[in-house]
Protein backbone atom coordinates (compact mmCIF):
# COMPACT_ATOMS: atom_id res chain seq x y z
CA MET A 1 -36.26 14.96 -21.46
CA THR A 2 -36.04 14.76 -17.73
CA LYS A 3 -37.39 16.12 -15.31
CA ALA A 4 -33.68 17.57 -14.38
CA GLU A 5 -33.19 18.78 -17.77
CA LEU A 6 -36.66 20.57 -17.82
CA VAL A 7 -35.60 22.81 -14.61
CA GLU A 8 -32.22 23.12 -16.15
CA ARG A 9 -33.82 24.75 -19.66
CA VAL A 10 -36.45 26.84 -17.99
CA ALA A 11 -34.10 28.33 -15.45
CA GLY A 12 -31.71 29.43 -18.50
CA LYS A 13 -34.83 31.07 -19.93
CA ILE A 14 -36.10 32.73 -16.61
CA ASN A 15 -33.26 33.63 -14.60
CA LEU A 16 -34.22 32.34 -11.67
CA THR A 17 -31.94 29.61 -9.95
CA LYS A 18 -32.36 25.74 -10.62
CA LYS A 19 -33.50 25.30 -7.17
CA GLN A 20 -36.63 28.24 -7.50
CA THR A 21 -36.93 26.88 -10.94
CA GLU A 22 -37.23 23.37 -9.13
CA VAL A 23 -40.16 24.57 -7.16
CA ILE A 24 -42.05 26.08 -9.82
CA VAL A 25 -41.84 23.20 -12.12
CA ASN A 26 -42.58 20.66 -8.66
CA THR A 27 -45.67 23.05 -8.04
CA VAL A 28 -46.97 22.60 -11.64
CA PHE A 29 -46.77 19.06 -11.71
CA GLN A 30 -48.08 18.14 -8.42
CA SER A 31 -51.14 20.93 -9.41
CA ILE A 32 -52.04 18.61 -12.31
CA THR A 33 -51.66 15.27 -10.26
CA GLU A 34 -54.08 16.87 -6.89
CA SER A 35 -56.44 18.15 -10.17
CA LEU A 36 -56.71 14.67 -11.71
CA SER A 37 -56.84 13.04 -8.38
CA GLU A 38 -60.12 15.02 -7.73
CA GLY A 39 -61.49 13.89 -11.17
CA LYS A 40 -61.05 17.32 -12.90
CA LYS A 41 -59.88 18.08 -16.19
CA VAL A 42 -56.57 20.06 -16.65
CA GLU A 43 -56.28 21.85 -20.26
CA LEU A 44 -52.96 23.75 -20.99
CA ARG A 45 -54.13 25.45 -24.59
CA GLY A 46 -51.86 24.57 -27.39
CA PHE A 47 -49.82 22.26 -25.45
CA GLY A 48 -52.82 19.49 -24.70
CA SER A 49 -55.33 17.87 -21.98
CA PHE A 50 -54.92 15.61 -18.93
CA ARG A 51 -58.11 13.57 -17.71
CA ILE A 52 -59.03 10.65 -16.11
CA ARG A 53 -60.25 7.88 -18.34
CA ASN A 54 -62.55 4.86 -16.32
CA ARG A 55 -61.43 0.95 -17.27
CA ASN A 56 -63.85 -1.12 -16.83
CA ALA A 57 -62.91 -4.41 -15.02
CA ARG A 58 -61.87 -7.43 -17.23
CA LYS A 59 -60.46 -10.95 -17.49
CA GLY A 60 -57.10 -10.99 -18.14
CA ARG A 61 -54.49 -13.74 -18.43
CA ASN A 62 -51.23 -14.10 -16.06
CA PRO A 63 -48.28 -14.60 -18.73
CA LYS A 64 -46.81 -16.64 -16.57
CA SER A 65 -48.71 -19.54 -15.91
CA GLY A 66 -51.52 -18.54 -18.56
CA GLU A 67 -53.79 -18.70 -15.99
CA LYS A 68 -57.24 -16.41 -16.16
CA VAL A 69 -57.26 -13.59 -13.67
CA ASP A 70 -59.66 -10.95 -12.95
CA VAL A 71 -58.73 -7.07 -13.40
CA PRO A 72 -60.40 -4.75 -11.50
CA ALA A 73 -61.94 -1.62 -12.78
CA LYS A 74 -59.63 1.94 -12.35
CA ARG A 75 -59.01 4.73 -13.01
CA VAL A 76 -56.14 5.98 -15.18
CA PRO A 77 -55.03 9.38 -16.15
CA PHE A 78 -54.99 10.07 -19.85
CA PHE A 79 -53.10 12.58 -22.11
CA LYS A 80 -54.45 14.36 -25.57
CA ALA A 81 -52.11 16.83 -27.82
CA GLY A 82 -53.56 19.96 -28.20
CA LYS A 83 -53.66 21.05 -31.84
CA GLU A 84 -50.51 23.25 -32.01
CA LEU A 85 -48.09 20.36 -30.17
CA ARG A 86 -49.45 17.76 -33.06
CA GLU A 87 -48.72 20.25 -35.81
CA LEU A 88 -45.64 20.97 -34.15
CA VAL A 89 -44.53 17.28 -33.43
CA ASP A 90 -46.02 16.30 -37.30
CA GLY A 91 -44.22 19.07 -39.07
CA GLU A 92 -41.00 18.77 -41.52
CA ASP A 93 -38.29 20.09 -39.51
CA PHE A 94 -39.08 17.74 -36.33
CA GLU A 95 -36.75 15.16 -36.09
CA ILE A 96 -36.50 12.26 -33.55
CA VAL A 97 -33.68 11.79 -31.46
CA GLY A 98 -32.18 8.29 -30.65
CA ASP A 99 -33.86 7.11 -34.29
CA ASP A 100 -31.15 6.99 -36.89
CA GLU A 101 -31.58 4.45 -38.95
CA ASP A 102 -27.91 5.11 -40.63
CA ASP A 103 -26.04 4.69 -36.47
CA GLU A 104 -25.02 1.04 -36.65
CA ASP A 105 -23.12 0.24 -33.15
């Protein structure tokens, strides 16, 4: 699902214009992003939580030349699905779109 599809779906459920809904969706994403950039954890009950993980510096390899390179330490966002989301996704009625083994186009 793209952000535009999310805006359209939410707008249909809450009877607001797409423009108004886009402002709401952007505000939610911006709030999550700002909290993470400040090192705060974001927890959405039933959905999941976002937090920052610290990656240590390490030795890497340039795939093109094979040369060893230093990869610096960095902070990366991490998402952990909540129990309700995991159970919903793992449910027997759940179908993955585009994962059709019978489709041989």
